[in-house]
């Protein structure tokens, strides 16, 4: 299994979102838990479905106590077009350059494909990894079950 140890600290990072604004993981420390979704590519079939599933269930995640962040290696401009096209109203973060640096820090970068593997994390208010799952290519049923498990942790 790839990824960080449960109970250990999450690597801090600062990445730009689809609007070009910096988002820093540690800025949520002491205030909110953070759900991080790594996904391979904007505009790909499975990723589009996955992000739409998160959008459709966003109210279950996004509260005063939880923030949702999605990370891919796509450039900011692609993420903006992706968000606009699919109505994705949560931060899509670009791990474009240095290419995959954050995905590598989370141990989910696929060197052969040049993108992160499909992985999800819950980072608690103290910046510790509390839950993680690493998936292959889920179909709709897998995604729904994955999101149900994740919301149960929150």
N, C-alpha and C. Protein backbone atom coordinates (compact mmCIF):
# COMPACT_ATOMS: atom_id res chain seq x y z
N UNK A 1 0.85 -1.18 0.00
CA UNK A 1 0.00 0.00 0.00
C UNK A 1 0.89 1.23 0.00
N UNK A 2 0.54 2.21 -0.80
CA UNK A 2 1.28 3.45 -0.82
C UNK A 2 0.62 4.44 0.12
N UNK A 3 1.30 5.53 0.36
CA UNK A 3 0.71 6.59 1.17
C UNK A 3 1.37 6.72 2.52
N UNK A 4 0.91 7.68 3.28
CA UNK A 4 1.47 8.00 4.57
C UNK A 4 0.88 7.14 5.67
N UNK A 5 1.56 7.12 6.80
CA UNK A 5 1.07 6.35 7.94
C UNK A 5 -0.09 7.07 8.62
N UNK A 6 -1.10 6.31 8.99
CA UNK A 6 -2.20 6.88 9.76
C UNK A 6 -1.65 7.32 11.11
N UNK A 7 -2.09 8.47 11.56
CA UNK A 7 -1.63 9.02 12.83
C UNK A 7 -0.39 9.88 12.71
N UNK A 8 0.26 9.86 11.54
CA UNK A 8 1.45 10.67 11.31
C UNK A 8 1.09 12.02 10.73
N UNK A 9 2.06 12.93 10.71
CA UNK A 9 1.78 14.26 10.16
C UNK A 9 1.64 14.24 8.64
N UNK A 10 0.74 15.06 8.16
CA UNK A 10 0.58 15.24 6.71
C UNK A 10 1.63 16.24 6.24
N UNK A 11 2.25 15.99 5.10
CA UNK A 11 3.20 16.97 4.56
C UNK A 11 2.49 18.29 4.26
N UNK A 12 3.08 19.39 4.68
CA UNK A 12 2.49 20.68 4.37
C UNK A 12 2.78 21.04 2.92
N UNK A 13 1.92 21.84 2.34
CA UNK A 13 2.12 22.28 0.96
C UNK A 13 1.37 23.58 0.72
N UNK A 14 1.78 24.27 -0.30
CA UNK A 14 1.05 25.41 -0.84
C UNK A 14 0.95 25.19 -2.35
N UNK A 15 -0.29 25.16 -2.85
CA UNK A 15 -0.55 25.00 -4.28
C UNK A 15 -1.55 26.06 -4.71
N UNK A 16 -1.56 26.34 -6.00
CA UNK A 16 -2.53 27.29 -6.55
C UNK A 16 -3.81 26.57 -6.94
N UNK A 17 -4.94 27.24 -6.67
CA UNK A 17 -6.23 26.68 -7.06
C UNK A 17 -6.61 27.14 -8.46
N UNK A 18 -7.79 26.78 -8.91
CA UNK A 18 -8.23 27.07 -10.27
C UNK A 18 -8.39 28.57 -10.53
N UNK A 19 -8.33 29.39 -9.48
CA UNK A 19 -8.41 30.85 -9.64
C UNK A 19 -7.04 31.51 -9.50
N UNK A 20 -5.99 30.69 -9.33
CA UNK A 20 -4.64 31.22 -9.18
C UNK A 20 -4.30 31.66 -7.77
N UNK A 21 -5.16 31.32 -6.81
CA UNK A 21 -4.94 31.68 -5.41
C UNK A 21 -4.17 30.57 -4.69
N UNK A 22 -3.24 30.96 -3.84
CA UNK A 22 -2.48 29.98 -3.05
C UNK A 22 -3.37 29.38 -1.96
N UNK A 23 -3.28 28.08 -1.81
CA UNK A 23 -3.96 27.35 -0.73
C UNK A 23 -2.87 26.57 0.01
N UNK A 24 -2.77 26.78 1.31
CA UNK A 24 -1.76 26.13 2.14
C UNK A 24 -2.44 25.20 3.12
N UNK A 25 -2.03 23.96 3.13
CA UNK A 25 -2.65 22.97 4.02
C UNK A 25 -2.59 23.42 5.48
N UNK A 26 -1.44 23.88 5.93
CA UNK A 26 -1.29 24.25 7.35
C UNK A 26 -2.16 25.44 7.75
N UNK A 27 -2.69 26.19 6.78
CA UNK A 27 -3.56 27.32 7.13
C UNK A 27 -4.87 26.86 7.77
N UNK A 28 -5.21 25.58 7.62
CA UNK A 28 -6.43 25.04 8.21
C UNK A 28 -6.18 24.48 9.61
N UNK A 29 -4.91 24.31 9.97
CA UNK A 29 -4.55 23.71 11.25
C UNK A 29 -5.18 24.49 12.41
N UNK A 30 -5.76 23.74 13.32
CA UNK A 30 -6.41 24.33 14.48
C UNK A 30 -7.82 24.82 14.20
N UNK A 31 -8.24 24.82 12.93
CA UNK A 31 -9.56 25.33 12.56
C UNK A 31 -10.46 24.30 11.90
N UNK A 32 -9.90 23.51 10.96
CA UNK A 32 -10.72 22.60 10.17
C UNK A 32 -9.96 21.31 9.88
N UNK A 33 -10.71 20.23 9.74
CA UNK A 33 -10.17 19.01 9.14
C UNK A 33 -10.18 19.25 7.63
N UNK A 34 -9.32 18.54 6.90
CA UNK A 34 -9.24 18.70 5.46
C UNK A 34 -9.36 17.34 4.80
N UNK A 35 -10.24 17.23 3.82
CA UNK A 35 -10.34 16.04 2.99
C UNK A 35 -9.58 16.35 1.70
N UNK A 36 -8.58 15.51 1.38
CA UNK A 36 -7.78 15.70 0.18
C UNK A 36 -8.07 14.56 -0.78
N UNK A 37 -8.45 14.90 -2.00
CA UNK A 37 -8.66 13.92 -3.06
C UNK A 37 -7.56 14.11 -4.11
N UNK A 38 -6.72 13.11 -4.31
CA UNK A 38 -5.78 13.12 -5.43
C UNK A 38 -6.47 12.41 -6.59
N UNK A 39 -6.40 12.98 -7.78
CA UNK A 39 -6.99 12.35 -8.95
C UNK A 39 -6.05 12.54 -10.14
N UNK A 40 -6.05 11.61 -11.09
CA UNK A 40 -5.07 11.65 -12.18
C UNK A 40 -5.20 12.84 -13.13
N UNK A 41 -6.34 13.02 -13.79
CA UNK A 41 -6.42 14.01 -14.88
C UNK A 41 -7.78 14.69 -14.95
N UNK A 42 -7.77 16.02 -15.08
CA UNK A 42 -8.99 16.75 -15.39
C UNK A 42 -9.48 16.31 -16.77
N UNK A 43 -10.76 16.33 -16.95
CA UNK A 43 -11.44 16.03 -18.22
C UNK A 43 -11.40 14.55 -18.61
N UNK A 44 -10.77 13.69 -17.82
CA UNK A 44 -10.83 12.26 -18.15
C UNK A 44 -12.17 11.72 -17.63
N UNK A 45 -12.64 10.66 -18.23
CA UNK A 45 -13.97 10.15 -17.90
C UNK A 45 -14.18 9.82 -16.44
N UNK A 46 -13.29 9.04 -15.88
CA UNK A 46 -13.45 8.62 -14.49
C UNK A 46 -13.28 9.80 -13.54
N UNK A 47 -12.27 10.64 -13.80
CA UNK A 47 -12.04 11.79 -12.92
C UNK A 47 -13.19 12.79 -12.98
N UNK A 48 -13.75 12.98 -14.16
CA UNK A 48 -14.90 13.88 -14.29
C UNK A 48 -16.06 13.35 -13.46
N UNK A 49 -16.30 12.05 -13.53
CA UNK A 49 -17.36 11.45 -12.72
C UNK A 49 -17.08 11.54 -11.23
N UNK A 50 -15.83 11.34 -10.87
CA UNK A 50 -15.46 11.40 -9.45
C UNK A 50 -15.64 12.82 -8.91
N UNK A 51 -15.16 13.81 -9.63
CA UNK A 51 -15.30 15.19 -9.16
C UNK A 51 -16.76 15.62 -9.13
N UNK A 52 -17.56 15.15 -10.09
CA UNK A 52 -19.00 15.45 -10.08
C UNK A 52 -19.66 14.80 -8.86
N UNK A 53 -19.22 13.59 -8.51
CA UNK A 53 -19.75 12.92 -7.32
C UNK A 53 -19.43 13.69 -6.06
N UNK A 54 -18.23 14.23 -5.99
CA UNK A 54 -17.86 15.05 -4.83
C UNK A 54 -18.70 16.33 -4.81
N UNK A 55 -18.83 16.97 -5.98
CA UNK A 55 -19.66 18.18 -6.09
C UNK A 55 -21.09 17.91 -5.61
N UNK A 56 -21.65 16.79 -6.05
CA UNK A 56 -23.03 16.48 -5.72
C UNK A 56 -23.22 16.17 -4.24
N UNK A 57 -22.15 15.75 -3.57
CA UNK A 57 -22.25 15.41 -2.15
C UNK A 57 -21.45 16.39 -1.29
N UNK A 58 -21.13 17.54 -1.84
CA UNK A 58 -20.27 18.49 -1.15
C UNK A 58 -20.81 18.90 0.21
N UNK A 59 -22.11 19.03 0.34
CA UNK A 59 -22.70 19.43 1.62
C UNK A 59 -22.35 18.45 2.74
N UNK A 60 -22.11 17.19 2.38
CA UNK A 60 -21.73 16.20 3.39
C UNK A 60 -20.30 16.39 3.88
N UNK A 61 -19.48 17.04 3.07
CA UNK A 61 -18.07 17.25 3.42
C UNK A 61 -17.81 18.65 3.93
N UNK A 62 -18.24 19.62 3.17
CA UNK A 62 -17.88 21.01 3.41
C UNK A 62 -18.75 21.60 4.51
N UNK A 63 -18.17 21.78 5.66
CA UNK A 63 -18.87 22.35 6.80
C UNK A 63 -17.95 23.39 7.42
N UNK A 64 -18.38 23.95 8.52
CA UNK A 64 -17.51 24.87 9.24
C UNK A 64 -16.31 24.14 9.82
N UNK A 65 -16.38 22.82 9.86
CA UNK A 65 -15.31 22.03 10.46
C UNK A 65 -14.48 21.25 9.46
N UNK A 66 -14.84 21.29 8.18
CA UNK A 66 -14.15 20.49 7.17
C UNK A 66 -13.99 21.29 5.87
N UNK A 67 -12.82 21.13 5.23
CA UNK A 67 -12.55 21.72 3.93
C UNK A 67 -12.26 20.60 2.94
N UNK A 68 -12.62 20.77 1.69
CA UNK A 68 -12.37 19.79 0.63
C UNK A 68 -11.36 20.38 -0.35
N UNK A 69 -10.30 19.60 -0.66
CA UNK A 69 -9.30 19.99 -1.65
C UNK A 69 -9.09 18.83 -2.60
N UNK A 70 -9.06 19.11 -3.89
CA UNK A 70 -8.77 18.08 -4.90
C UNK A 70 -7.47 18.46 -5.60
N UNK A 71 -6.59 17.49 -5.78
CA UNK A 71 -5.25 17.77 -6.32
C UNK A 71 -4.97 16.88 -7.53
N UNK A 72 -4.52 17.54 -8.62
CA UNK A 72 -4.02 16.82 -9.79
C UNK A 72 -2.77 17.55 -10.28
N UNK A 73 -2.12 17.00 -11.27
CA UNK A 73 -0.93 17.64 -11.85
C UNK A 73 -1.26 18.50 -13.06
N UNK A 74 -2.53 18.76 -13.28
CA UNK A 74 -2.95 19.61 -14.38
C UNK A 74 -2.57 21.07 -14.10
N UNK A 75 -2.31 21.87 -15.14
CA UNK A 75 -2.03 23.29 -14.92
C UNK A 75 -3.28 24.04 -14.44
N UNK A 76 -3.06 25.16 -13.78
CA UNK A 76 -4.14 25.97 -13.23
C UNK A 76 -5.21 26.29 -14.27
N UNK A 77 -4.79 26.65 -15.48
CA UNK A 77 -5.76 27.04 -16.51
C UNK A 77 -6.67 25.88 -16.92
N UNK A 78 -6.14 24.69 -16.95
CA UNK A 78 -6.96 23.50 -17.24
C UNK A 78 -7.95 23.26 -16.10
N UNK A 79 -7.49 23.45 -14.88
CA UNK A 79 -8.37 23.25 -13.73
C UNK A 79 -9.51 24.27 -13.72
N UNK A 80 -9.23 25.48 -14.15
CA UNK A 80 -10.28 26.50 -14.20
C UNK A 80 -11.33 26.11 -15.24
N UNK A 81 -10.89 25.66 -16.41
CA UNK A 81 -11.83 25.24 -17.45
C UNK A 81 -12.63 24.02 -16.99
N UNK A 82 -11.97 23.08 -16.32
CA UNK A 82 -12.61 21.88 -15.79
C UNK A 82 -13.68 22.27 -14.77
N UNK A 83 -13.32 23.15 -13.83
CA UNK A 83 -14.26 23.58 -12.80
C UNK A 83 -15.45 24.32 -13.42
N UNK A 84 -15.17 25.21 -14.36
CA UNK A 84 -16.25 25.96 -15.01
C UNK A 84 -17.18 25.05 -15.78
N UNK A 85 -16.62 24.11 -16.54
CA UNK A 85 -17.44 23.22 -17.36
C UNK A 85 -18.36 22.34 -16.53
N UNK A 86 -17.83 21.84 -15.39
CA UNK A 86 -18.58 20.87 -14.60
C UNK A 86 -19.17 21.44 -13.31
N UNK A 87 -19.08 22.75 -13.12
CA UNK A 87 -19.65 23.37 -11.93
C UNK A 87 -19.00 22.88 -10.64
N UNK A 88 -17.71 22.70 -10.67
CA UNK A 88 -16.98 22.21 -9.48
C UNK A 88 -16.67 23.41 -8.59
N UNK A 89 -17.36 23.50 -7.48
CA UNK A 89 -17.28 24.67 -6.62
C UNK A 89 -16.50 24.41 -5.34
N UNK A 90 -15.40 23.72 -5.48
CA UNK A 90 -14.47 23.49 -4.38
C UNK A 90 -13.07 23.63 -4.97
N UNK A 91 -12.05 23.85 -4.14
CA UNK A 91 -10.71 24.09 -4.68
C UNK A 91 -10.12 22.89 -5.42
N UNK A 92 -9.73 23.15 -6.68
CA UNK A 92 -8.96 22.19 -7.47
C UNK A 92 -7.54 22.73 -7.48
N UNK A 93 -6.61 21.99 -6.92
CA UNK A 93 -5.24 22.47 -6.76
C UNK A 93 -4.31 21.86 -7.80
N UNK A 94 -3.41 22.70 -8.31
CA UNK A 94 -2.47 22.29 -9.35
C UNK A 94 -1.12 21.92 -8.76
N UNK A 95 -0.77 20.65 -8.91
CA UNK A 95 0.55 20.14 -8.50
C UNK A 95 1.42 20.03 -9.75
N UNK A 96 1.28 21.02 -10.63
CA UNK A 96 1.91 20.99 -11.94
C UNK A 96 3.43 21.18 -11.89
N UNK A 97 3.87 22.16 -11.10
CA UNK A 97 5.32 22.41 -11.06
C UNK A 97 5.75 22.86 -9.69
N UNK A 98 6.81 22.28 -9.11
CA UNK A 98 7.52 21.13 -9.66
C UNK A 98 6.57 19.94 -9.79
N UNK A 99 6.59 19.34 -10.95
CA UNK A 99 5.60 18.35 -11.35
C UNK A 99 5.45 17.22 -10.33
N UNK A 100 4.27 17.13 -9.71
CA UNK A 100 3.96 16.05 -8.79
C UNK A 100 4.64 16.12 -7.44
N UNK A 101 5.18 17.25 -7.06
CA UNK A 101 5.91 17.35 -5.80
C UNK A 101 5.05 16.99 -4.59
N UNK A 102 3.82 17.47 -4.54
CA UNK A 102 2.94 17.18 -3.41
C UNK A 102 2.49 15.72 -3.46
N UNK A 103 2.14 15.24 -4.64
CA UNK A 103 1.76 13.82 -4.77
C UNK A 103 2.91 12.92 -4.32
N UNK A 104 4.13 13.29 -4.64
CA UNK A 104 5.29 12.52 -4.17
C UNK A 104 5.41 12.57 -2.65
N UNK A 105 5.19 13.75 -2.06
CA UNK A 105 5.26 13.89 -0.61
C UNK A 105 4.23 13.00 0.09
N UNK A 106 3.08 12.82 -0.57
CA UNK A 106 2.03 11.95 -0.03
C UNK A 106 2.22 10.49 -0.49
N UNK A 107 3.28 10.25 -1.26
CA UNK A 107 3.64 8.92 -1.74
C UNK A 107 2.58 8.31 -2.65
N UNK A 108 1.95 9.15 -3.49
CA UNK A 108 0.92 8.65 -4.40
C UNK A 108 1.18 9.05 -5.86
N UNK A 109 2.41 9.49 -6.17
CA UNK A 109 2.72 9.88 -7.54
C UNK A 109 3.10 8.64 -8.34
N UNK A 110 2.46 8.45 -9.47
CA UNK A 110 2.75 7.34 -10.38
C UNK A 110 3.77 7.84 -11.40
N UNK A 111 5.02 7.45 -11.21
CA UNK A 111 6.10 7.93 -12.08
C UNK A 111 5.88 7.53 -13.54
N UNK A 112 5.37 6.34 -13.76
CA UNK A 112 5.18 5.85 -15.14
C UNK A 112 4.11 6.66 -15.88
N UNK A 113 3.07 7.08 -15.17
CA UNK A 113 1.97 7.83 -15.81
C UNK A 113 2.12 9.33 -15.66
N UNK A 114 2.99 9.78 -14.75
CA UNK A 114 3.20 11.20 -14.56
C UNK A 114 2.06 11.92 -13.88
N UNK A 115 1.34 11.20 -13.02
CA UNK A 115 0.18 11.78 -12.34
C UNK A 115 -0.02 11.10 -10.99
N UNK A 116 -0.83 11.69 -10.14
CA UNK A 116 -1.11 11.02 -8.87
C UNK A 116 -2.04 9.83 -9.08
N UNK A 117 -1.89 8.84 -8.24
CA UNK A 117 -2.87 7.75 -8.24
C UNK A 117 -4.10 8.24 -7.48
N UNK A 118 -5.21 7.61 -7.71
CA UNK A 118 -6.46 8.00 -7.09
C UNK A 118 -6.41 7.65 -5.60
N UNK A 119 -6.31 8.68 -4.76
CA UNK A 119 -6.15 8.49 -3.32
C UNK A 119 -6.90 9.58 -2.57
N UNK A 120 -7.35 9.26 -1.37
CA UNK A 120 -8.06 10.23 -0.54
C UNK A 120 -7.51 10.18 0.87
N UNK A 121 -7.48 11.35 1.51
CA UNK A 121 -6.98 11.48 2.87
C UNK A 121 -7.91 12.36 3.68
N UNK A 122 -8.01 12.07 4.98
CA UNK A 122 -8.60 12.98 5.94
C UNK A 122 -7.46 13.43 6.84
N UNK A 123 -7.25 14.74 6.89
CA UNK A 123 -6.25 15.34 7.75
C UNK A 123 -7.01 16.04 8.87
N UNK A 124 -6.69 15.71 10.12
CA UNK A 124 -7.44 16.31 11.22
C UNK A 124 -6.99 17.74 11.51
N UNK A 125 -7.62 18.36 12.45
CA UNK A 125 -7.31 19.77 12.78
C UNK A 125 -5.88 19.98 13.26
N UNK A 126 -5.26 18.91 13.71
CA UNK A 126 -3.87 19.01 14.18
C UNK A 126 -2.87 18.72 13.07
N UNK A 127 -3.35 18.48 11.85
CA UNK A 127 -2.46 18.22 10.73
C UNK A 127 -2.00 16.77 10.63
N UNK A 128 -2.70 15.86 11.28
CA UNK A 128 -2.34 14.45 11.27
C UNK A 128 -3.25 13.67 10.32
N UNK A 129 -2.69 12.66 9.67
CA UNK A 129 -3.44 11.81 8.76
C UNK A 129 -4.31 10.86 9.59
N UNK A 130 -5.62 10.98 9.44
CA UNK A 130 -6.55 10.15 10.23
C UNK A 130 -7.20 9.04 9.42
N UNK A 131 -7.22 9.18 8.11
CA UNK A 131 -7.88 8.17 7.26
C UNK A 131 -7.30 8.29 5.87
N UNK A 132 -7.13 7.16 5.21
CA UNK A 132 -6.62 7.17 3.85
C UNK A 132 -7.16 5.97 3.10
N UNK A 133 -7.35 6.15 1.79
CA UNK A 133 -7.71 5.04 0.92
C UNK A 133 -7.07 5.29 -0.43
N UNK A 134 -6.60 4.22 -1.05
CA UNK A 134 -5.95 4.30 -2.35
C UNK A 134 -6.70 3.37 -3.29
N UNK A 135 -7.20 3.94 -4.38
CA UNK A 135 -8.07 3.21 -5.29
C UNK A 135 -7.46 3.05 -6.67
N UNK A 136 -7.95 2.04 -7.35
CA UNK A 136 -7.65 1.90 -8.78
C UNK A 136 -8.63 2.81 -9.50
N UNK A 137 -9.20 2.36 -10.57
CA UNK A 137 -10.17 3.14 -11.32
C UNK A 137 -11.57 2.73 -10.89
N UNK A 138 -12.21 3.51 -10.00
CA UNK A 138 -13.53 3.10 -9.51
C UNK A 138 -14.62 3.31 -10.54
N UNK A 139 -15.64 2.48 -10.45
CA UNK A 139 -16.83 2.78 -11.24
C UNK A 139 -17.77 3.55 -10.32
N UNK A 140 -18.94 3.87 -10.78
CA UNK A 140 -19.86 4.68 -9.99
C UNK A 140 -20.20 4.09 -8.64
N UNK A 141 -20.38 2.78 -8.58
CA UNK A 141 -20.71 2.16 -7.31
C UNK A 141 -19.56 2.26 -6.34
N UNK A 142 -18.33 2.07 -6.82
CA UNK A 142 -17.16 2.17 -5.97
C UNK A 142 -17.03 3.59 -5.42
N UNK A 143 -17.26 4.58 -6.25
CA UNK A 143 -17.15 5.96 -5.83
C UNK A 143 -18.17 6.27 -4.75
N UNK A 144 -19.40 5.85 -4.95
CA UNK A 144 -20.44 6.12 -3.96
C UNK A 144 -20.08 5.48 -2.63
N UNK A 145 -19.62 4.25 -2.64
CA UNK A 145 -19.23 3.58 -1.40
C UNK A 145 -18.04 4.29 -0.76
N UNK A 146 -17.09 4.70 -1.57
CA UNK A 146 -15.92 5.43 -1.08
C UNK A 146 -16.34 6.72 -0.39
N UNK A 147 -17.23 7.48 -0.99
CA UNK A 147 -17.68 8.74 -0.39
C UNK A 147 -18.48 8.51 0.88
N UNK A 148 -19.25 7.44 0.94
CA UNK A 148 -19.98 7.10 2.16
C UNK A 148 -19.00 6.78 3.29
N UNK A 149 -17.96 6.01 3.00
CA UNK A 149 -16.97 5.69 4.02
C UNK A 149 -16.27 6.94 4.51
N UNK A 150 -15.94 7.81 3.59
CA UNK A 150 -15.24 9.03 3.95
C UNK A 150 -16.10 9.92 4.84
N UNK A 151 -17.35 10.11 4.50
CA UNK A 151 -18.21 10.97 5.33
C UNK A 151 -18.42 10.35 6.70
N UNK A 152 -18.39 9.04 6.81
CA UNK A 152 -18.51 8.40 8.13
C UNK A 152 -17.34 8.75 9.04
N UNK A 153 -16.17 8.97 8.46
CA UNK A 153 -14.99 9.33 9.23
C UNK A 153 -15.10 10.75 9.77
N UNK A 154 -15.72 11.63 8.98
CA UNK A 154 -15.86 13.03 9.39
C UNK A 154 -16.89 13.13 10.47
